[in-house]
Amino acid sequence: MYTMDDDEVVRRVCAGEAEMFEVVIRRYNRRLYRVTRAILKDDAEAEDAMQQAYLSAYTHLVQFGHSASFAIWLTRVAVNEALARARRARRYTPPAAEDGGVSCFRTPEEGAAAVDALPEIYRVVFVLRELEGLSTAETAACLELDDDAIKVRLHRAKRLLRDDLLERAGGARAGTYAFHLGRCERITNAVMTHILAMESALAHLSS
């Protein structure tokens, strides 16, 4: 089931197999956590944003037009949800002056703190490109920017973090914003419980 491509999963969910949406959740949990965490800088709020993004994506799945890949579309939903929450909390700020540096980080926790210190517009690009491994074009599609903007922001993010520190960090960078199994199960179960309850209520109303 988990080798099924996204388009087939979406087709089956839209055809009435709501339980298949779990495939989507498990497939993209880590990416959505990292991107919402990069914007909100808080684990619990990132989880809440993820859950709402999944529910929004599910309820608007028929609107997915295949003009972009499903992964890009879903990531964009999560980015927009996190940005909306950040703005409501007055956490969204324009790019900060590039006058900071970071101390050497040797652990995932230090890496996360260093990435958190980046201005938001650089932080999100860094997470998608360097942690999630998306291409410049994919990152641009997720954030609705052009390729040049992504390249500039990634360059500035790396400059703020100092490339030599990233190299010395070694494996610590890979563990930044780690997404553990317990969090994956918690989010998956919460979203699927809500979706299946919603579908059950709709079925009851229509019977």
N, C-alpha and C. Protein backbone atom coordinates (compact mmCIF):
# COMPACT_ATOMS: atom_id res chain seq x y z
N MET A 1 0.84 -1.21 0.00
CA MET A 1 0.00 0.00 0.00
C MET A 1 0.86 1.26 0.00
N TYR A 2 1.99 1.22 0.75
CA TYR A 2 2.80 2.42 0.89
C TYR A 2 3.68 2.68 -0.33
N THR A 3 3.73 1.72 -1.28
CA THR A 3 4.47 1.96 -2.52
C THR A 3 3.59 2.63 -3.58
N MET A 4 2.32 2.78 -3.29
CA MET A 4 1.38 3.41 -4.22
C MET A 4 1.75 4.88 -4.40
N ASP A 5 1.69 5.37 -5.64
CA ASP A 5 2.05 6.77 -5.84
C ASP A 5 0.95 7.70 -5.34
N ASP A 6 1.31 8.96 -5.17
CA ASP A 6 0.38 9.92 -4.57
C ASP A 6 -0.91 10.07 -5.36
N ASP A 7 -0.81 10.11 -6.68
CA ASP A 7 -2.01 10.31 -7.50
C ASP A 7 -3.01 9.17 -7.30
N GLU A 8 -2.51 7.95 -7.16
CA GLU A 8 -3.40 6.81 -6.95
C GLU A 8 -4.05 6.88 -5.57
N VAL A 9 -3.27 7.28 -4.57
CA VAL A 9 -3.83 7.43 -3.22
C VAL A 9 -4.93 8.48 -3.23
N VAL A 10 -4.65 9.63 -3.86
CA VAL A 10 -5.65 10.70 -3.93
C VAL A 10 -6.90 10.23 -4.65
N ARG A 11 -6.71 9.52 -5.75
CA ARG A 11 -7.86 9.01 -6.51
C ARG A 11 -8.73 8.11 -5.64
N ARG A 12 -8.11 7.24 -4.88
CA ARG A 12 -8.87 6.31 -4.04
C ARG A 12 -9.56 7.02 -2.88
N VAL A 13 -8.89 8.00 -2.31
CA VAL A 13 -9.54 8.77 -1.23
C VAL A 13 -10.75 9.51 -1.78
N CYS A 14 -10.59 10.14 -2.92
CA CYS A 14 -11.70 10.88 -3.53
C CYS A 14 -12.84 9.94 -3.94
N ALA A 15 -12.51 8.68 -4.18
CA ALA A 15 -13.53 7.70 -4.55
C ALA A 15 -14.25 7.13 -3.34
N GLY A 16 -13.86 7.56 -2.15
CA GLY A 16 -14.58 7.13 -0.95
C GLY A 16 -13.78 6.32 0.05
N GLU A 17 -12.52 6.01 -0.26
CA GLU A 17 -11.69 5.24 0.67
C GLU A 17 -10.94 6.20 1.60
N ALA A 18 -11.67 6.75 2.56
CA ALA A 18 -11.09 7.75 3.45
C ALA A 18 -9.88 7.22 4.20
N GLU A 19 -9.89 5.93 4.54
CA GLU A 19 -8.80 5.36 5.32
C GLU A 19 -7.46 5.41 4.58
N MET A 20 -7.51 5.54 3.25
CA MET A 20 -6.28 5.61 2.47
C MET A 20 -5.51 6.91 2.72
N PHE A 21 -6.17 7.90 3.30
CA PHE A 21 -5.49 9.17 3.57
C PHE A 21 -4.36 8.97 4.57
N GLU A 22 -4.42 7.90 5.34
CA GLU A 22 -3.33 7.61 6.28
C GLU A 22 -2.00 7.45 5.56
N VAL A 23 -2.03 6.94 4.34
CA VAL A 23 -0.80 6.78 3.55
C VAL A 23 -0.15 8.15 3.35
N VAL A 24 -0.97 9.13 3.01
CA VAL A 24 -0.47 10.49 2.81
C VAL A 24 0.14 11.03 4.09
N ILE A 25 -0.54 10.85 5.19
CA ILE A 25 -0.06 11.39 6.46
C ILE A 25 1.30 10.81 6.81
N ARG A 26 1.41 9.49 6.76
CA ARG A 26 2.68 8.86 7.12
C ARG A 26 3.80 9.22 6.14
N ARG A 27 3.44 9.41 4.91
CA ARG A 27 4.45 9.72 3.88
C ARG A 27 5.03 11.12 4.06
N TYR A 28 4.21 12.07 4.50
CA TYR A 28 4.65 13.47 4.54
C TYR A 28 4.72 14.06 5.94
N ASN A 29 4.57 13.25 6.97
CA ASN A 29 4.64 13.75 8.34
C ASN A 29 5.93 14.51 8.62
N ARG A 30 7.05 13.92 8.28
CA ARG A 30 8.32 14.56 8.63
C ARG A 30 8.49 15.88 7.91
N ARG A 31 8.17 15.91 6.61
CA ARG A 31 8.32 17.16 5.87
C ARG A 31 7.43 18.24 6.44
N LEU A 32 6.16 17.94 6.70
CA LEU A 32 5.24 18.95 7.20
C LEU A 32 5.63 19.41 8.60
N TYR A 33 6.14 18.47 9.41
CA TYR A 33 6.59 18.89 10.74
C TYR A 33 7.75 19.87 10.61
N ARG A 34 8.71 19.53 9.78
CA ARG A 34 9.88 20.39 9.67
C ARG A 34 9.53 21.78 9.14
N VAL A 35 8.65 21.84 8.15
CA VAL A 35 8.34 23.15 7.57
C VAL A 35 7.47 23.98 8.51
N THR A 36 6.52 23.37 9.20
CA THR A 36 5.71 24.14 10.15
C THR A 36 6.52 24.51 11.38
N ARG A 37 7.42 23.62 11.79
CA ARG A 37 8.30 23.92 12.94
C ARG A 37 9.24 25.07 12.60
N ALA A 38 9.70 25.11 11.36
CA ALA A 38 10.59 26.19 10.94
C ALA A 38 9.90 27.54 11.01
N ILE A 39 8.61 27.57 10.75
CA ILE A 39 7.86 28.83 10.77
C ILE A 39 7.43 29.20 12.19
N LEU A 40 6.94 28.23 12.94
CA LEU A 40 6.33 28.51 14.25
C LEU A 40 7.31 28.43 15.42
N LYS A 41 8.43 27.70 15.23
CA LYS A 41 9.46 27.59 16.25
C LYS A 41 8.94 27.00 17.56
N ASP A 42 7.96 26.14 17.47
CA ASP A 42 7.38 25.53 18.67
C ASP A 42 6.83 24.16 18.28
N ASP A 43 7.22 23.12 19.01
CA ASP A 43 6.82 21.76 18.66
C ASP A 43 5.31 21.57 18.68
N ALA A 44 4.67 21.99 19.76
CA ALA A 44 3.24 21.76 19.92
C ALA A 44 2.44 22.52 18.86
N GLU A 45 2.82 23.75 18.60
CA GLU A 45 2.10 24.53 17.59
C GLU A 45 2.33 23.96 16.19
N ALA A 46 3.53 23.44 15.96
CA ALA A 46 3.80 22.81 14.67
C ALA A 46 2.90 21.60 14.48
N GLU A 47 2.72 20.81 15.52
CA GLU A 47 1.83 19.65 15.44
C GLU A 47 0.40 20.07 15.15
N ASP A 48 -0.06 21.10 15.85
CA ASP A 48 -1.42 21.60 15.62
C ASP A 48 -1.59 22.09 14.18
N ALA A 49 -0.58 22.80 13.68
CA ALA A 49 -0.64 23.30 12.31
C ALA A 49 -0.65 22.16 11.31
N MET A 50 0.15 21.13 11.57
CA MET A 50 0.16 19.95 10.71
C MET A 50 -1.22 19.31 10.63
N GLN A 51 -1.81 19.10 11.80
CA GLN A 51 -3.12 18.44 11.83
C GLN A 51 -4.15 19.24 11.06
N GLN A 52 -4.15 20.56 11.25
CA GLN A 52 -5.11 21.39 10.53
C GLN A 52 -4.82 21.38 9.04
N ALA A 53 -3.55 21.36 8.67
CA ALA A 53 -3.19 21.31 7.26
C ALA A 53 -3.68 20.02 6.62
N TYR A 54 -3.51 18.90 7.31
CA TYR A 54 -4.00 17.62 6.78
C TYR A 54 -5.52 17.64 6.62
N LEU A 55 -6.22 18.17 7.62
CA LEU A 55 -7.67 18.21 7.54
C LEU A 55 -8.14 19.14 6.42
N SER A 56 -7.44 20.26 6.26
CA SER A 56 -7.78 21.18 5.17
C SER A 56 -7.52 20.52 3.82
N ALA A 57 -6.39 19.82 3.73
CA ALA A 57 -6.08 19.13 2.47
C ALA A 57 -7.12 18.06 2.17
N TYR A 58 -7.53 17.33 3.19
CA TYR A 58 -8.52 16.27 2.99
C TYR A 58 -9.85 16.84 2.51
N THR A 59 -10.31 17.89 3.16
CA THR A 59 -11.62 18.45 2.81
C THR A 59 -11.60 19.16 1.45
N HIS A 60 -10.41 19.53 0.97
CA HIS A 60 -10.31 20.22 -0.32
C HIS A 60 -9.59 19.35 -1.36
N LEU A 61 -9.56 18.06 -1.11
CA LEU A 61 -8.80 17.17 -1.99
C LEU A 61 -9.29 17.19 -3.43
N VAL A 62 -10.59 17.37 -3.61
CA VAL A 62 -11.12 17.41 -4.97
C VAL A 62 -10.63 18.64 -5.73
N GLN A 63 -10.10 19.62 -5.00
CA GLN A 63 -9.60 20.83 -5.64
C GLN A 63 -8.15 20.70 -6.09
N PHE A 64 -7.51 19.59 -5.68
CA PHE A 64 -6.15 19.35 -6.13
C PHE A 64 -6.17 19.12 -7.63
N GLY A 65 -5.58 20.04 -8.37
CA GLY A 65 -5.72 20.02 -9.82
C GLY A 65 -4.61 19.35 -10.59
N HIS A 66 -3.64 18.76 -9.91
CA HIS A 66 -2.53 18.06 -10.56
C HIS A 66 -1.66 18.99 -11.39
N SER A 67 -1.81 20.31 -11.21
CA SER A 67 -0.93 21.23 -11.93
C SER A 67 0.46 21.22 -11.32
N ALA A 68 0.53 20.86 -10.04
CA ALA A 68 1.81 20.63 -9.36
C ALA A 68 1.74 19.24 -8.76
N SER A 69 2.84 18.74 -8.27
CA SER A 69 2.79 17.43 -7.63
C SER A 69 1.97 17.53 -6.34
N PHE A 70 1.41 16.41 -5.92
CA PHE A 70 0.62 16.42 -4.69
C PHE A 70 1.49 16.83 -3.51
N ALA A 71 2.74 16.38 -3.48
CA ALA A 71 3.64 16.72 -2.37
C ALA A 71 3.82 18.23 -2.27
N ILE A 72 3.98 18.90 -3.41
CA ILE A 72 4.13 20.35 -3.41
C ILE A 72 2.85 21.02 -2.93
N TRP A 73 1.72 20.55 -3.44
CA TRP A 73 0.42 21.12 -3.05
C TRP A 73 0.20 20.98 -1.55
N LEU A 74 0.48 19.81 -1.00
CA LEU A 74 0.28 19.57 0.43
C LEU A 74 1.23 20.42 1.27
N THR A 75 2.47 20.52 0.83
CA THR A 75 3.44 21.35 1.56
C THR A 75 3.00 22.80 1.56
N ARG A 76 2.45 23.27 0.44
CA ARG A 76 1.97 24.64 0.35
C ARG A 76 0.81 24.87 1.33
N VAL A 77 -0.07 23.89 1.45
CA VAL A 77 -1.17 23.99 2.42
C VAL A 77 -0.61 24.15 3.83
N ALA A 78 0.40 23.34 4.16
CA ALA A 78 1.00 23.41 5.49
C ALA A 78 1.72 24.73 5.73
N VAL A 79 2.44 25.20 4.74
CA VAL A 79 3.13 26.49 4.85
C VAL A 79 2.13 27.61 5.09
N ASN A 80 1.06 27.63 4.33
CA ASN A 80 0.05 28.68 4.49
C ASN A 80 -0.62 28.63 5.86
N GLU A 81 -0.88 27.42 6.34
CA GLU A 81 -1.48 27.27 7.68
C GLU A 81 -0.53 27.78 8.76
N ALA A 82 0.74 27.42 8.66
CA ALA A 82 1.71 27.87 9.66
C ALA A 82 1.91 29.38 9.61
N LEU A 83 1.99 29.93 8.41
CA LEU A 83 2.15 31.38 8.28
C LEU A 83 0.95 32.13 8.86
N ALA A 84 -0.25 31.61 8.62
CA ALA A 84 -1.45 32.25 9.15
C ALA A 84 -1.42 32.24 10.68
N ARG A 85 -0.99 31.12 11.26
CA ARG A 85 -0.90 31.05 12.72
C ARG A 85 0.17 32.00 13.26
N ALA A 86 1.29 32.06 12.55
CA ALA A 86 2.36 32.94 12.99
C ALA A 86 1.92 34.41 12.95
N ARG A 87 1.19 34.76 11.91
CA ARG A 87 0.72 36.15 11.81
C ARG A 87 -0.30 36.45 12.90
N ARG A 88 -1.20 35.50 13.16
CA ARG A 88 -2.19 35.72 14.22
C ARG A 88 -1.52 35.90 15.57
N ALA A 89 -0.42 35.20 15.76
CA ALA A 89 0.30 35.32 17.03
C ALA A 89 1.30 36.47 17.01
N ARG A 90 1.30 37.22 15.91
CA ARG A 90 2.22 38.35 15.73
C ARG A 90 3.67 37.90 15.80
N ARG A 91 3.90 36.73 15.26
CA ARG A 91 5.27 36.22 15.23
C ARG A 91 5.92 36.43 13.88
N TYR A 92 5.12 36.78 12.90
CA TYR A 92 5.69 36.96 11.57
C TYR A 92 6.40 38.31 11.50
N THR A 93 7.66 38.29 11.11
CA THR A 93 8.43 39.52 11.02
C THR A 93 9.12 39.57 9.67
N PRO A 94 9.41 40.77 9.18
CA PRO A 94 10.14 40.88 7.91
C PRO A 94 11.57 40.40 8.10
N PRO A 95 12.31 40.20 7.01
CA PRO A 95 13.69 39.73 7.13
C PRO A 95 14.51 40.61 8.06
N ALA A 96 15.26 39.97 8.93
CA ALA A 96 16.09 40.70 9.88
C ALA A 96 17.43 41.06 9.23
N ALA A 97 18.09 42.03 9.82
CA ALA A 97 19.41 42.39 9.32
C ALA A 97 20.37 41.22 9.51
N GLU A 98 21.26 41.07 8.57
CA GLU A 98 22.18 39.93 8.62
C GLU A 98 23.39 40.30 9.45
N ASP A 99 23.18 40.45 10.75
CA ASP A 99 24.29 40.87 11.60
C ASP A 99 24.62 39.84 12.66
N GLY A 100 24.03 38.64 12.51
CA GLY A 100 24.24 37.66 13.56
C GLY A 100 25.11 36.52 13.11
N GLY A 101 25.59 35.78 14.08
CA GLY A 101 26.32 34.55 13.83
C GLY A 101 25.84 33.53 14.82
N VAL A 102 26.33 32.34 14.73
CA VAL A 102 25.93 31.31 15.67
C VAL A 102 27.17 30.63 16.17
N SER A 103 27.08 30.11 17.38
CA SER A 103 28.20 29.36 17.92
C SER A 103 28.20 27.97 17.32
N CYS A 104 29.33 27.30 17.42
CA CYS A 104 29.45 25.97 16.84
C CYS A 104 28.45 25.03 17.48
N PHE A 105 27.72 24.23 16.68
CA PHE A 105 26.77 23.29 17.25
C PHE A 105 27.21 21.87 16.92
N ARG A 106 27.13 21.02 17.93
CA ARG A 106 27.62 19.67 17.81
C ARG A 106 26.51 18.63 17.96
N THR A 107 25.32 19.05 18.32
CA THR A 107 24.21 18.12 18.54
C THR A 107 23.00 18.59 17.75
N PRO A 108 22.00 17.70 17.53
CA PRO A 108 20.77 18.14 16.86
C PRO A 108 20.08 19.28 17.58
N GLU A 109 20.15 19.28 18.91
CA GLU A 109 19.50 20.34 19.68
C GLU A 109 20.17 21.69 19.40
N GLU A 110 21.51 21.69 19.37
CA GLU A 110 22.21 22.93 19.06
C GLU A 110 21.93 23.35 17.62
N GLY A 111 21.85 22.36 16.74
CA GLY A 111 21.53 22.66 15.34
C GLY A 111 20.16 23.29 15.21
N ALA A 112 19.17 22.74 15.93
CA ALA A 112 17.81 23.29 15.88
C ALA A 112 17.79 24.72 16.41
N ALA A 113 18.54 24.97 17.47
CA ALA A 113 18.59 26.32 18.03
C ALA A 113 19.21 27.29 17.04
N ALA A 114 20.25 26.84 16.34
CA ALA A 114 20.90 27.70 15.36
C ALA A 114 19.96 28.00 14.19
N VAL A 115 19.26 26.98 13.71
CA VAL A 115 18.31 27.19 12.61
C VAL A 115 17.17 28.08 13.07
N ASP A 116 16.70 27.89 14.30
CA ASP A 116 15.63 28.74 14.84
C ASP A 116 16.02 30.22 14.86
N ALA A 117 17.32 30.47 14.99
CA ALA A 117 17.79 31.86 15.09
C ALA A 117 17.78 32.57 13.74
N LEU A 118 17.63 31.82 12.65
CA LEU A 118 17.57 32.44 11.33
C LEU A 118 16.28 33.23 11.16
N PRO A 119 16.31 34.32 10.39
CA PRO A 119 15.06 34.98 10.02
C PRO A 119 14.14 33.98 9.30
N GLU A 120 12.85 34.12 9.48
CA GLU A 120 11.91 33.12 8.98
C GLU A 120 12.06 32.82 7.49
N ILE A 121 12.22 33.84 6.67
CA ILE A 121 12.24 33.60 5.23
C ILE A 121 13.46 32.78 4.81
N TYR A 122 14.53 32.86 5.58
CA TYR A 122 15.71 32.05 5.29
C TYR A 122 15.56 30.66 5.92
N ARG A 123 14.96 30.63 7.09
CA ARG A 123 14.82 29.37 7.84
C ARG A 123 14.00 28.34 7.07
N VAL A 124 12.88 28.76 6.51
CA VAL A 124 12.01 27.83 5.79
C VAL A 124 12.70 27.29 4.55
N VAL A 125 13.39 28.16 3.83
CA VAL A 125 14.12 27.71 2.64
C VAL A 125 15.22 26.73 3.04
N PHE A 126 15.95 27.04 4.09
CA PHE A 126 17.03 26.15 4.54
C PHE A 126 16.48 24.78 4.91
N VAL A 127 15.36 24.74 5.62
CA VAL A 127 14.78 23.46 6.04
C VAL A 127 14.37 22.63 4.83
N LEU A 128 13.68 23.24 3.88
CA LEU A 128 13.21 22.48 2.72
C LEU A 128 14.37 22.02 1.83
N ARG A 129 15.37 22.89 1.64
CA ARG A 129 16.47 22.53 0.74
C ARG A 129 17.49 21.62 1.42
N GLU A 130 17.92 21.98 2.62
CA GLU A 130 19.03 21.26 3.24
C GLU A 130 18.60 20.09 4.12
N LEU A 131 17.47 20.21 4.79
CA LEU A 131 17.02 19.12 5.66
C LEU A 131 16.13 18.13 4.93
N GLU A 132 15.21 18.65 4.12
CA GLU A 132 14.30 17.77 3.38
C GLU A 132 14.83 17.36 2.01
N GLY A 133 15.83 18.05 1.54
CA GLY A 133 16.46 17.67 0.28
C GLY A 133 15.67 18.01 -0.96
N LEU A 134 14.74 18.97 -0.87
CA LEU A 134 14.00 19.38 -2.06
C LEU A 134 14.91 20.16 -3.00
N SER A 135 14.59 20.10 -4.28
CA SER A 135 15.35 20.87 -5.26
C SER A 135 14.97 22.35 -5.16
N THR A 136 15.75 23.19 -5.84
CA THR A 136 15.42 24.61 -5.88
C THR A 136 14.02 24.82 -6.46
N ALA A 137 13.71 24.12 -7.55
CA ALA A 137 12.40 24.28 -8.20
C ALA A 137 11.27 23.81 -7.28
N GLU A 138 11.46 22.69 -6.60
CA GLU A 138 10.43 22.18 -5.69
C GLU A 138 10.20 23.14 -4.53
N THR A 139 11.29 23.67 -3.97
CA THR A 139 11.16 24.62 -2.86
C THR A 139 10.45 25.88 -3.33
N ALA A 140 10.80 26.34 -4.51
CA ALA A 140 10.15 27.53 -5.06
C ALA A 140 8.66 27.29 -5.24
N ALA A 141 8.28 26.10 -5.70
CA ALA A 141 6.86 25.79 -5.88
C ALA A 141 6.13 25.74 -4.54
N CYS A 142 6.76 25.16 -3.53
CA CYS A 142 6.13 25.09 -2.21
C CYS A 142 5.86 26.46 -1.62
N LEU A 143 6.81 27.38 -1.83
CA LEU A 143 6.73 28.71 -1.22
C LEU A 143 6.19 29.76 -2.18
N GLU A 144 5.88 29.35 -3.41
CA GLU A 144 5.37 30.26 -4.43
C GLU A 144 6.31 31.44 -4.66
N LEU A 145 7.59 31.09 -4.85
CA LEU A 145 8.63 32.06 -5.14
C LEU A 145 9.32 31.63 -6.44
N ASP A 146 10.20 32.49 -6.95
CA ASP A 146 10.96 32.06 -8.13
C ASP A 146 12.28 31.42 -7.68
N ASP A 147 12.92 30.74 -8.62
CA ASP A 147 14.15 30.01 -8.30
C ASP A 147 15.24 30.92 -7.76
N ASP A 148 15.36 32.11 -8.32
CA ASP A 148 16.42 33.02 -7.89
C ASP A 148 16.25 33.43 -6.43
N ALA A 149 15.01 33.65 -6.02
CA ALA A 149 14.76 34.02 -4.63
C ALA A 149 15.19 32.89 -3.69
N ILE A 150 14.90 31.65 -4.09
CA ILE A 150 15.30 30.51 -3.26
C ILE A 150 16.81 30.44 -3.15
N LYS A 151 17.51 30.62 -4.25
CA LYS A 151 18.97 30.55 -4.24
C LYS A 151 19.57 31.63 -3.35
N VAL A 152 19.04 32.84 -3.45
CA VAL A 152 19.55 33.95 -2.63
C VAL A 152 19.30 33.67 -1.16
N ARG A 153 18.09 33.23 -0.83
CA ARG A 153 17.76 33.00 0.58
C ARG A 153 18.56 31.85 1.17
N LEU A 154 18.78 30.81 0.38
CA LEU A 154 19.59 29.70 0.88
C LEU A 154 21.03 30.15 1.11
N HIS A 155 21.55 30.94 0.19
CA HIS A 155 22.91 31.45 0.34
C HIS A 155 23.03 32.29 1.61
N ARG A 156 22.04 33.12 1.85
CA ARG A 156 22.09 33.98 3.04
C ARG A 156 21.93 33.17 4.32
N ALA A 157 21.09 32.14 4.27
CA ALA A 157 20.93 31.27 5.43
C ALA A 157 22.24 30.59 5.77
N LYS A 158 22.90 30.07 4.75
CA LYS A 158 24.18 29.40 4.98
C LYS A 158 25.24 30.37 5.49
N ARG A 159 25.19 31.59 4.97
CA ARG A 159 26.17 32.57 5.43
C ARG A 159 25.94 32.90 6.90
N LEU A 160 24.68 33.00 7.30
CA LEU A 160 24.39 33.29 8.70
C LEU A 160 24.81 32.14 9.61
N LEU A 161 24.63 30.95 9.13
CA LEU A 161 25.02 29.78 9.93
C LEU A 161 26.52 29.50 9.85
N ARG A 162 27.14 30.08 8.86
CA ARG A 162 28.56 29.88 8.59
C ARG A 162 28.80 28.46 8.09
N ASP A 163 29.21 28.37 6.87
CA ASP A 163 29.40 27.07 6.24
C ASP A 163 30.38 26.18 6.99
N ASP A 164 31.40 26.78 7.59
CA ASP A 164 32.37 25.95 8.29
C ASP A 164 31.75 25.28 9.51
N LEU A 165 30.77 25.94 10.14
CA LEU A 165 30.11 25.34 11.29
C LEU A 165 29.22 24.20 10.84
N LEU A 166 28.55 24.35 9.69
CA LEU A 166 27.72 23.27 9.18
C LEU A 166 28.56 22.04 8.89
N GLU A 167 29.74 22.25 8.33
CA GLU A 167 30.60 21.11 8.02
C GLU A 167 31.06 20.41 9.29
N ARG A 168 31.43 21.20 10.32
CA ARG A 168 31.87 20.60 11.57
C ARG A 168 30.73 19.94 12.33
N ALA A 169 29.51 20.37 12.04
CA ALA A 169 28.37 19.79 12.75
C ALA A 169 28.16 18.33 12.39
N GLY A 170 28.57 17.95 11.17
CA GLY A 170 28.47 16.56 10.75
C GLY A 170 27.06 16.05 10.83
N GLY A 171 26.87 14.96 11.56
CA GLY A 171 25.56 14.33 11.65
C GLY A 171 24.54 15.15 12.41
N ALA A 172 24.97 16.16 13.12
CA ALA A 172 24.01 16.95 13.89
C ALA A 172 22.99 17.62 12.98
N ARG A 173 23.42 18.03 11.77
CA ARG A 173 22.49 18.71 10.88
C ARG A 173 21.37 17.78 10.46
N ALA A 174 21.70 16.51 10.20
CA ALA A 174 20.68 15.55 9.76
C ALA A 174 19.62 15.35 10.83
N GLY A 175 20.00 15.53 12.09
CA GLY A 175 19.05 15.32 13.18
C GLY A 175 18.28 16.56 13.58
N THR A 176 18.56 17.68 12.92
CA THR A 176 17.86 18.91 13.25
C THR A 176 16.37 18.79 12.93
N TYR A 177 15.53 19.23 13.87
CA TYR A 177 14.08 19.10 13.74
C TYR A 177 13.71 17.62 13.55
N ALA A 178 14.28 16.78 14.37
CA ALA A 178 14.03 15.34 14.23
C ALA A 178 12.54 15.04 14.42
N PHE A 179 12.05 14.09 13.63
CA PHE A 179 10.65 13.71 13.71
C PHE A 179 10.58 12.27 14.19
N HIS A 180 10.23 12.08 15.45
CA HIS A 180 10.29 10.76 16.07
C HIS A 180 9.00 9.97 15.84
N LEU A 181 9.12 8.64 16.00
CA LEU A 181 8.00 7.74 15.75
C LEU A 181 6.79 8.08 16.60
N GLY A 182 7.02 8.43 17.86
CA GLY A 182 5.90 8.75 18.74
C GLY A 182 5.08 9.92 18.24
N ARG A 183 5.77 10.95 17.74
CA ARG A 183 5.07 12.11 17.18
C ARG A 183 4.32 11.72 15.91
N CYS A 184 4.94 10.88 15.10
CA CYS A 184 4.30 10.42 13.86
C CYS A 184 2.99 9.70 14.16
N GLU A 185 3.05 8.78 15.13
CA GLU A 185 1.85 8.02 15.48
C GLU A 185 0.77 8.92 16.06
N ARG A 186 1.17 9.85 16.91
CA ARG A 186 0.20 10.75 17.55
C ARG A 186 -0.55 11.59 16.52
N ILE A 187 0.19 12.16 15.59
CA ILE A 187 -0.44 13.01 14.58
C ILE A 187 -1.30 12.18 13.63
N THR A 188 -0.76 11.04 13.19
CA THR A 188 -1.51 10.17 12.28
C THR A 188 -2.83 9.74 12.90
N ASN A 189 -2.77 9.28 14.13
CA ASN A 189 -3.98 8.81 14.81
C ASN A 189 -4.99 9.92 15.03
N ALA A 190 -4.50 11.10 15.41
CA ALA A 190 -5.40 12.23 15.67
C ALA A 190 -6.13 12.65 14.39
N VAL A 191 -5.39 12.76 13.30
CA VAL A 191 -6.00 13.20 12.04
C VAL A 191 -6.97 12.15 11.52
N MET A 192 -6.56 10.88 11.53
CA MET A 192 -7.43 9.83 10.99
C MET A 192 -8.68 9.65 11.85
N THR A 193 -8.56 9.79 13.16
CA THR A 193 -9.74 9.71 14.03
C THR A 193 -10.74 10.78 13.66
N HIS A 194 -10.25 11.99 13.42
CA HIS A 194 -11.12 13.10 13.05
C HIS A 194 -11.77 12.86 11.69
N ILE A 195 -10.98 12.42 10.73
CA ILE A 195 -11.49 12.19 9.37
C ILE A 195 -12.55 11.09 9.36
N LEU A 196 -12.27 9.98 10.01
CA LEU A 196 -13.20 8.85 10.00
C LEU A 196 -14.49 9.20 10.76
N ALA A 197 -14.36 9.98 11.84
CA ALA A 197 -15.55 10.42 12.57
C ALA A 197 -16.40 11.35 11.69
N MET A 198 -15.75 12.22 10.95
CA MET A 198 -16.44 13.14 10.05
C MET A 198 -17.16 12.37 8.95
N GLU A 199 -16.48 11.37 8.38
CA GLU A 199 -17.10 10.58 7.32
C GLU A 199 -18.27 9.76 7.86
N SER A 200 -18.13 9.26 9.08
CA SER A 200 -19.22 8.50 9.70
C SER A 200 -20.45 9.37 9.93
N ALA A 201 -20.21 10.59 10.39
CA ALA A 201 -21.32 11.52 10.63
C ALA A 201 -22.02 11.89 9.31
N LEU A 202 -21.23 12.08 8.25
CA LEU A 202 -21.82 12.40 6.95
C LEU A 202 -22.64 11.22 6.40
N ALA A 203 -22.13 10.01 6.60
CA ALA A 203 -22.84 8.83 6.14
C ALA A 203 -24.17 8.67 6.89
N HIS A 204 -24.12 8.97 8.18
CA HIS A 204 -25.34 8.87 8.99
C HIS A 204 -26.39 9.88 8.53
N LEU A 205 -25.94 11.08 8.21
CA LEU A 205 -26.86 12.12 7.77
C LEU A 205 -27.51 11.79 6.43
N SER A 206 -26.74 11.12 5.58
CA SER A 206 -27.24 10.83 4.24
C SER A 206 -28.06 9.54 4.18
N SER A 207 -28.07 8.77 5.28
CA SER A 207 -28.81 7.49 5.27
C SER A 207 -30.27 7.70 5.63
